[in-house]
Structure formats: C-alpha cells, structure tokens
C-alpha cells in the first residue's frame, strides 16, 4: 500500500470507530429508556409489544363483529 491508500484506510477506520461509538451510545440510551418503561431487555419489550399487538387485533375483531351486527340489524329494518 502506498501512503495515500494507508491514509484512506486510517480515515475509514476512524470513521468506523466513530460510528461504533455512536451506535454504542444509542444502544445505551435505548436500554435506559426500556428500563424506565419497566423492561429488562429488548426481548422483554418485544414480547410486551407482541402481546399489545395481539390484544389490539382481538379488539379490532370484536369491533368489526359489532359493526356487522349493527349493519345487519339496520338492513333488517
């Protein structure tokens, strides 16, 4: 490698180091936020979100059923 290539490589390594530090900071911030919300890990938060999503889908199903019943009753009039 010539000097220019080495300097370019050094710059890319420094950029990667900065990116890694930034991502580490974001991960720390995310974990702190999750802990404030009562979750011990990202997996625990994912499970809670899955339960919430399932609950929302269930309630949407109930709502759609109720709407259909009202529509059927209205059409029968």
PDB file of N, CA and C in Angstrom:
ATOM      1  N   UNK A   1       0.839  -1.186   0.000  1.00  0.00           N
ATOM      2  CA  UNK A   1       0.000   0.000   0.000  1.00  0.00           C
ATOM      3  C   UNK A   1       0.880   1.244   0.000  1.00  0.00           C
ATOM      4  N   UNK A   2       0.418   2.206  -0.749  1.00  0.00           N
ATOM      5  CA  UNK A   2       1.168   3.457  -0.743  1.00  0.00           C
ATOM      6  C   UNK A   2       0.618   4.364   0.365  1.00  0.00           C
ATOM      7  N   UNK A   3       1.241   5.507   0.518  1.00  0.00           N
ATOM      8  CA  UNK A   3       0.884   6.418   1.618  1.00  0.00           C
ATOM      9  C   UNK A   3      -0.568   6.893   1.515  1.00  0.00           C
ATOM     10  N   UNK A   4      -1.012   7.190   0.305  1.00  0.00           N
ATOM     11  CA  UNK A   4      -2.382   7.677   0.111  1.00  0.00           C
ATOM     12  C   UNK A   4      -3.396   6.606   0.526  1.00  0.00           C
ATOM     13  N   UNK A   5      -3.137   5.371   0.141  1.00  0.00           N
ATOM     14  CA  UNK A   5      -4.032   4.268   0.498  1.00  0.00           C
ATOM     15  C   UNK A   5      -4.050   4.042   2.009  1.00  0.00           C
ATOM     16  N   UNK A   6      -2.891   4.156   2.635  1.00  0.00           N
ATOM     17  CA  UNK A   6      -2.816   3.999   4.086  1.00  0.00           C
ATOM     18  C   UNK A   6      -3.586   5.104   4.805  1.00  0.00           C
ATOM     19  N   UNK A   7      -3.467   6.338   4.313  1.00  0.00           N
ATOM     20  CA  UNK A   7      -4.211   7.450   4.918  1.00  0.00           C
ATOM     21  C   UNK A   7      -5.721   7.257   4.736  1.00  0.00           C
ATOM     22  N   UNK A   8      -6.094   6.771   3.565  1.00  0.00           N
ATOM     23  CA  UNK A   8      -7.504   6.498   3.306  1.00  0.00           C
ATOM     24  C   UNK A   8      -8.019   5.401   4.246  1.00  0.00           C
ATOM     25  N   UNK A   9      -7.226   4.358   4.416  1.00  0.00           N
ATOM     26  CA  UNK A   9      -7.592   3.272   5.323  1.00  0.00           C
ATOM     27  C   UNK A   9      -7.707   3.776   6.756  1.00  0.00           C
ATOM     28  N   UNK A  10      -6.756   4.608   7.168  1.00  0.00           N
ATOM     29  CA  UNK A  10      -6.787   5.185   8.513  1.00  0.00           C
ATOM     30  C   UNK A  10      -8.067   5.998   8.710  1.00  0.00           C
ATOM     31  N   UNK A  11      -8.441   6.783   7.704  1.00  0.00           N
ATOM     32  CA  UNK A  11      -9.653   7.600   7.790  1.00  0.00           C
ATOM     33  C   UNK A  11     -10.898   6.714   7.896  1.00  0.00           C
ATOM     34  N   UNK A  12     -10.932   5.640   7.118  1.00  0.00           N
ATOM     35  CA  UNK A  12     -12.080   4.726   7.178  1.00  0.00           C
ATOM     36  C   UNK A  12     -12.173   4.044   8.539  1.00  0.00           C
ATOM     37  N   UNK A  13     -11.040   3.690   9.108  1.00  0.00           N
ATOM     38  CA  UNK A  13     -11.022   3.071  10.438  1.00  0.00           C
ATOM     39  C   UNK A  13     -11.514   4.059  11.485  1.00  0.00           C
ATOM     40  N   UNK A  14     -11.066   5.306  11.387  1.00  0.00           N
ATOM     41  CA  UNK A  14     -11.515   6.334  12.332  1.00  0.00           C
ATOM     42  C   UNK A  14     -13.018   6.577  12.197  1.00  0.00           C
ATOM     43  N   UNK A  15     -13.525   6.592  10.958  1.00  0.00           N
ATOM     44  CA  UNK A  15     -14.966   6.746  10.736  1.00  0.00           C
ATOM     45  C   UNK A  15     -15.735   5.579  11.358  1.00  0.00           C
ATOM     46  N   UNK A  16     -15.213   4.380  11.173  1.00  0.00           N
ATOM     47  CA  UNK A  16     -15.859   3.196  11.738  1.00  0.00           C
ATOM     48  C   UNK A  16     -15.856   3.253  13.262  1.00  0.00           C
ATOM     49  N   UNK A  17     -14.760   3.716  13.847  1.00  0.00           N
ATOM     50  CA  UNK A  17     -14.683   3.859  15.305  1.00  0.00           C
ATOM     51  C   UNK A  17     -15.723   4.854  15.810  1.00  0.00           C
ATOM     52  N   UNK A  18     -15.872   5.976  15.102  1.00  0.00           N
ATOM     53  CA  UNK A  18     -16.879   6.978  15.494  1.00  0.00           C
ATOM     54  C   UNK A  18     -18.294   6.405  15.373  1.00  0.00           C
ATOM     55  N   UNK A  19     -18.538   5.679  14.279  1.00  0.00           N
ATOM     56  CA  UNK A  19     -19.853   5.064  14.093  1.00  0.00           C
ATOM     57  C   UNK A  19     -20.144   4.056  15.200  1.00  0.00           C
ATOM     58  N   UNK A  20     -19.149   3.260  15.547  1.00  0.00           N
ATOM     59  CA  UNK A  20     -19.324   2.270  16.609  1.00  0.00           C
ATOM     60  C   UNK A  20     -19.618   2.948  17.940  1.00  0.00           C
ATOM     61  N   UNK A  21     -18.920   4.025  18.237  1.00  0.00           N
ATOM     62  CA  UNK A  21     -19.156   4.760  19.486  1.00  0.00           C
ATOM     63  C   UNK A  21     -20.558   5.365  19.497  1.00  0.00           C
ATOM     64  N   UNK A  22     -20.989   5.898  18.356  1.00  0.00           N
ATOM     65  CA  UNK A  22     -22.327   6.483  18.251  1.00  0.00           C
ATOM     66  C   UNK A  22     -23.393   5.409  18.462  1.00  0.00           C
ATOM     67  N   UNK A  23     -23.216   4.252  17.831  1.00  0.00           N
ATOM     68  CA  UNK A  23     -24.178   3.162  17.981  1.00  0.00           C
ATOM     69  C   UNK A  23     -24.209   2.635  19.412  1.00  0.00           C
ATOM     70  N   UNK A  24     -23.053   2.578  20.041  1.00  0.00           N
ATOM     71  CA  UNK A  24     -22.995   2.140  21.438  1.00  0.00           C
ATOM     72  C   UNK A  24     -23.766   3.114  22.323  1.00  0.00           C
ATOM     73  N   UNK A  25     -23.623   4.395  22.056  1.00  0.00           N
ATOM     74  CA  UNK A  25     -24.369   5.404  22.808  1.00  0.00           C
ATOM     75  C   UNK A  25     -25.867   5.273  22.594  1.00  0.00           C
ATOM     76  N   UNK A  26     -26.267   5.006  21.363  1.00  0.00           N
ATOM     77  CA  UNK A  26     -27.690   4.823  21.074  1.00  0.00           C
ATOM     78  C   UNK A  26     -28.235   3.592  21.780  1.00  0.00           C
ATOM     79  N   UNK A  27     -27.450   2.522  21.812  1.00  0.00           N
ATOM     80  CA  UNK A  27     -27.881   1.294  22.487  1.00  0.00           C
ATOM     81  C   UNK A  27     -28.027   1.542  23.980  1.00  0.00           C
ATOM     82  N   UNK A  28     -27.096   2.265  24.565  1.00  0.00           N
ATOM     83  CA  UNK A  28     -27.172   2.598  25.986  1.00  0.00           C
ATOM     84  C   UNK A  28     -28.421   3.419  26.266  1.00  0.00           C
ATOM     85  N   UNK A  29     -28.695   4.383  25.419  1.00  0.00           N
ATOM     86  CA  UNK A  29     -29.882   5.222  25.572  1.00  0.00           C
ATOM     87  C   UNK A  29     -31.155   4.387  25.451  1.00  0.00           C
ATOM     88  N   UNK A  30     -31.184   3.490  24.485  1.00  0.00           N
ATOM     89  CA  UNK A  30     -32.339   2.613  24.303  1.00  0.00           C
ATOM     90  C   UNK A  30     -32.564   1.741  25.532  1.00  0.00           C
ATOM     91  N   UNK A  31     -31.506   1.152  26.059  1.00  0.00           N
ATOM     92  CA  UNK A  31     -31.637   0.288  27.234  1.00  0.00           C
ATOM     93  C   UNK A  31     -32.115   1.088  28.439  1.00  0.00           C
ATOM     94  N   UNK A  32     -31.622   2.311  28.601  1.00  0.00           N
ATOM     95  CA  UNK A  32     -32.081   3.153  29.704  1.00  0.00           C
ATOM     96  C   UNK A  32     -33.562   3.473  29.556  1.00  0.00           C
ATOM     97  N   UNK A  33     -33.997   3.755  28.338  1.00  0.00           N
ATOM     98  CA  UNK A  33     -35.413   4.035  28.087  1.00  0.00           C
ATOM     99  C   UNK A  33     -36.267   2.810  28.380  1.00  0.00           C
ATOM    100  N   UNK A  34     -35.806   1.649  27.953  1.00  0.00           N
ATOM    101  CA  UNK A  34     -36.557   0.421  28.214  1.00  0.00           C
ATOM    102  C   UNK A  34     -36.677   0.160  29.711  1.00  0.00           C
ATOM    103  N   UNK A  35     -35.595   0.390  30.448  1.00  0.00           N
ATOM    104  CA  UNK A  35     -35.627   0.180  31.895  1.00  0.00           C
ATOM    105  C   UNK A  35     -36.597   1.138  32.561  1.00  0.00           C
ATOM    106  N   UNK A  36     -36.657   2.398  32.079  1.00  0.00           N
ATOM    107  CA  UNK A  36     -37.612   3.363  32.626  1.00  0.00           C
ATOM    108  C   UNK A  36     -39.044   2.903  32.389  1.00  0.00           C
ATOM    109  N   UNK A  37     -39.263   2.189  31.283  1.00  0.00           N
ATOM    110  CA  UNK A  37     -40.600   1.680  30.964  1.00  0.00           C
ATOM    111  C   UNK A  37     -40.882   0.347  31.653  1.00  0.00           C
ATOM    112  N   UNK A  38     -39.898  -0.172  32.364  1.00  0.00           N
ATOM    113  CA  UNK A  38     -40.094  -1.400  33.125  1.00  0.00           C
ATOM    114  C   UNK A  38     -39.659  -2.680  32.430  1.00  0.00           C
ATOM    115  N   UNK A  39     -38.891  -2.577  31.365  1.00  0.00           N
ATOM    116  CA  UNK A  39     -38.432  -3.765  30.646  1.00  0.00           C
ATOM    117  C   UNK A  39     -36.951  -3.984  30.910  1.00  0.00           C
ATOM    118  N   UNK A  40     -36.599  -5.251  31.104  1.00  0.00           N
ATOM    119  CA  UNK A  40     -35.209  -5.572  31.424  1.00  0.00           C
ATOM    120  C   UNK A  40     -34.349  -5.779  30.182  1.00  0.00           C
ATOM    121  N   UNK A  41     -35.004  -5.973  29.037  1.00  0.00           N
ATOM    122  CA  UNK A  41     -34.242  -6.218  27.811  1.00  0.00           C
ATOM    123  C   UNK A  41     -35.082  -5.857  26.593  1.00  0.00           C
ATOM    124  N   UNK A  42     -34.430  -5.855  25.460  1.00  0.00           N
ATOM    125  CA  UNK A  42     -35.138  -5.614  24.205  1.00  0.00           C
ATOM    126  C   UNK A  42     -36.124  -6.749  23.957  1.00  0.00           C
ATOM    127  N   UNK A  43     -35.730  -7.967  24.282  1.00  0.00           N
ATOM    128  CA  UNK A  43     -36.621  -9.114  24.091  1.00  0.00           C
ATOM    129  C   UNK A  43     -37.882  -8.981  24.941  1.00  0.00           C
ATOM    130  N   UNK A  44     -37.738  -8.517  26.180  1.00  0.00           N
ATOM    131  CA  UNK A  44     -38.907  -8.324  27.042  1.00  0.00           C
ATOM    132  C   UNK A  44     -39.836  -7.275  26.447  1.00  0.00           C
ATOM    133  N   UNK A  45     -39.278  -6.223  25.895  1.00  0.00           N
ATOM    134  CA  UNK A  45     -40.090  -5.177  25.260  1.00  0.00           C
ATOM    135  C   UNK A  45     -40.783  -5.724  24.012  1.00  0.00           C
ATOM    136  N   UNK A  46     -40.079  -6.549  23.230  1.00  0.00           N
ATOM    137  CA  UNK A  46     -40.684  -7.148  22.040  1.00  0.00           C
ATOM    138  C   UNK A  46     -41.866  -8.035  22.425  1.00  0.00           C
ATOM    139  N   UNK A  47     -41.706  -8.816  23.499  1.00  0.00           N
ATOM    140  CA  UNK A  47     -42.801  -9.679  23.952  1.00  0.00           C
ATOM    141  C   UNK A  47     -44.000  -8.847  24.379  1.00  0.00           C
ATOM    142  N   UNK A  48     -43.748  -7.757  25.088  1.00  0.00           N
ATOM    143  CA  UNK A  48     -44.837  -6.879  25.526  1.00  0.00           C
ATOM    144  C   UNK A  48     -45.529  -6.249  24.320  1.00  0.00           C
ATOM    145  N   UNK A  49     -44.753  -5.834  23.329  1.00  0.00           N
ATOM    146  CA  UNK A  49     -45.343  -5.262  22.115  1.00  0.00           C
ATOM    147  C   UNK A  49     -46.163  -6.297  21.358  1.00  0.00           C
ATOM    148  N   UNK A  50     -45.684  -7.535  21.327  1.00  0.00           N
ATOM    149  CA  UNK A  50     -46.429  -8.614  20.662  1.00  0.00           C
ATOM    150  C   UNK A  50     -47.759  -8.832  21.367  1.00  0.00           C
ATOM    151  N   UNK A  51     -47.748  -8.859  22.707  1.00  0.00           N
ATOM    152  CA  UNK A  51     -48.992  -9.031  23.458  1.00  0.00           C
ATOM    153  C   UNK A  51     -49.947  -7.881  23.175  1.00  0.00           C
ATOM    154  N   UNK A  52     -49.419  -6.672  23.147  1.00  0.00           N
ATOM    155  CA  UNK A  52     -50.242  -5.498  22.869  1.00  0.00           C
ATOM    156  C   UNK A  52     -50.826  -5.578  21.462  1.00  0.00           C
ATOM    157  N   UNK A  53     -50.016  -5.970  20.500  1.00  0.00           N
ATOM    158  CA  UNK A  53     -50.481  -6.106  19.122  1.00  0.00           C
ATOM    159  C   UNK A  53     -51.579  -7.160  19.026  1.00  0.00           C
ATOM    160  N   UNK A  54     -51.391  -8.298  19.704  1.00  0.00           N
ATOM    161  CA  UNK A  54     -52.410  -9.348  19.709  1.00  0.00           C
ATOM    162  C   UNK A  54     -53.706  -8.840  20.329  1.00  0.00           C
ATOM    163  N   UNK A  55     -53.586  -8.097  21.411  1.00  0.00           N
ATOM    164  CA  UNK A  55     -54.756  -7.539  22.083  1.00  0.00           C
ATOM    165  C   UNK A  55     -55.492  -6.557  21.170  1.00  0.00           C
ATOM    166  N   UNK A  56     -54.745  -5.728  20.470  1.00  0.00           N
ATOM    167  CA  UNK A  56     -55.354  -4.770  19.539  1.00  0.00           C
ATOM    168  C   UNK A  56     -56.094  -5.513  18.429  1.00  0.00           C
ATOM    169  N   UNK A  57     -55.479  -6.546  17.884  1.00  0.00           N
ATOM    170  CA  UNK A  57     -56.128  -7.330  16.830  1.00  0.00           C
ATOM    171  C   UNK A  57     -57.412  -7.968  17.343  1.00  0.00           C
ATOM    172  N   UNK A  58     -57.380  -8.481  18.563  1.00  0.00           N
ATOM    173  CA  UNK A  58     -58.566  -9.098  19.157  1.00  0.00           C
ATOM    174  C   UNK A  58     -59.685  -8.065  19.311  1.00  0.00           C
ATOM    175  N   UNK A  59     -59.341  -6.890  19.806  1.00  0.00           N
ATOM    176  CA  UNK A  59     -60.342  -5.834  19.984  1.00  0.00           C
ATOM    177  C   UNK A  59     -60.876  -5.344  18.640  1.00  0.00           C
ATOM    178  N   UNK A  60     -60.022  -5.286  17.627  1.00  0.00           N
ATOM    179  CA  UNK A  60     -60.483  -4.908  16.288  1.00  0.00           C
ATOM    180  C   UNK A  60     -61.485  -5.925  15.763  1.00  0.00           C
ATOM    181  N   UNK A  61     -61.206  -7.197  16.014  1.00  0.00           N
ATOM    182  CA  UNK A  61     -62.128  -8.254  15.597  1.00  0.00           C
ATOM    183  C   UNK A  61     -63.478  -8.105  16.275  1.00  0.00           C
ATOM    184  N   UNK A  62     -63.466  -7.829  17.574  1.00  0.00           N
ATOM    185  CA  UNK A  62     -64.720  -7.624  18.305  1.00  0.00           C
ATOM    186  C   UNK A  62     -65.473  -6.418  17.759  1.00  0.00           C
ATOM    187  N   UNK A  63     -64.757  -5.357  17.486  1.00  0.00           N
ATOM    188  CA  UNK A  63     -65.372  -4.141  16.954  1.00  0.00           C
ATOM    189  C   UNK A  63     -65.983  -4.402  15.578  1.00  0.00           C
ATOM    190  N   UNK A  64     -65.267  -5.093  14.725  1.00  0.00           N
ATOM    191  CA  UNK A  64     -65.790  -5.410  13.392  1.00  0.00           C
ATOM    192  C   UNK A  64     -67.029  -6.290  13.478  1.00  0.00           C
ATOM    193  N   UNK A  65     -67.031  -7.247  14.402  1.00  0.00           N
ATOM    194  CA  UNK A  65     -68.204  -8.094  14.605  1.00  0.00           C
ATOM    195  C   UNK A  65     -69.393  -7.260  15.054  1.00  0.00           C
ATOM    196  N   UNK A  66     -69.171  -6.363  15.982  1.00  0.00           N
ATOM    197  CA  UNK A  66     -70.248  -5.499  16.471  1.00  0.00           C
ATOM    198  C   UNK A  66     -70.776  -4.602  15.352  1.00  0.00           C
ATOM    199  N   UNK A  67     -69.891  -4.077  14.536  1.00  0.00           N
ATOM    200  CA  UNK A  67     -70.306  -3.229  13.413  1.00  0.00           C
ATOM    201  C   UNK A  67     -71.161  -4.031  12.435  1.00  0.00           C
ATOM    202  N   UNK A  68     -70.746  -5.258  12.129  1.00  0.00           N
ATOM    203  CA  UNK A  68     -71.523  -6.102  11.216  1.00  0.00           C
ATOM    204  C   UNK A  68     -72.915  -6.377  11.776  1.00  0.00           C
ATOM    205  N   UNK A  69     -72.994  -6.638  13.078  1.00  0.00           N
ATOM    206  CA  UNK A  69     -74.295  -6.900  13.697  1.00  0.00           C
ATOM    207  C   UNK A  69     -75.198  -5.680  13.594  1.00  0.00           C
ATOM    208  N   UNK A  70     -74.645  -4.509  13.847  1.00  0.00           N
ATOM    209  CA  UNK A  70     -75.437  -3.278  13.748  1.00  0.00           C
ATOM    210  C   UNK A  70     -75.885  -3.068  12.303  1.00  0.00           C
ATOM    211  N   UNK A  71     -74.992  -3.296  11.357  1.00  0.00           N
ATOM    212  CA  UNK A  71     -75.354  -3.144   9.945  1.00  0.00           C
ATOM    213  C   UNK A  71     -76.453  -4.121   9.553  1.00  0.00           C
ATOM    214  N   UNK A  72     -76.354  -5.367  10.028  1.00  0.00           N
ATOM    215  CA  UNK A  72     -77.381  -6.370   9.728  1.00  0.00           C
ATOM    216  C   UNK A  72     -78.724  -5.961  10.317  1.00  0.00           C
ATOM    217  N   UNK A  73     -78.701  -5.455  11.538  1.00  0.00           N
ATOM    218  CA  UNK A  73     -79.946  -5.012  12.171  1.00  0.00           C
ATOM    219  C   UNK A  73     -80.523  -3.818  11.422  1.00  0.00           C
ATOM    220  N   UNK A  74     -79.678  -2.921  10.982  1.00  0.00           N
ATOM    221  CA  UNK A  74     -80.126  -1.736  10.249  1.00  0.00           C
ATOM    222  C   UNK A  74     -80.744  -2.143   8.913  1.00  0.00           C
ATOM    223  N   UNK A  75     -80.120  -3.110   8.234  1.00  0.00           N
ATOM    224  CA  UNK A  75     -80.628  -3.578   6.947  1.00  0.00           C
ATOM    225  C   UNK A  75     -81.955  -4.307   7.108  1.00  0.00           C
ATOM    226  N   UNK A  76     -82.170  -4.929   8.259  1.00  0.00           N
ATOM    227  CA  UNK A  76     -83.407  -5.673   8.506  1.00  0.00           C
ATOM    228  C   UNK A  76     -84.594  -4.745   8.720  1.00  0.00           C
ATOM    229  N   UNK A  77     -84.315  -3.496   9.015  1.00  0.00           N
ATOM    230  CA  UNK A  77     -85.403  -2.540   9.286  1.00  0.00           C
ATOM    231  C   UNK A  77     -86.089  -2.132   8.014  1.00  0.00           C
TER     232      UNK A  77
END
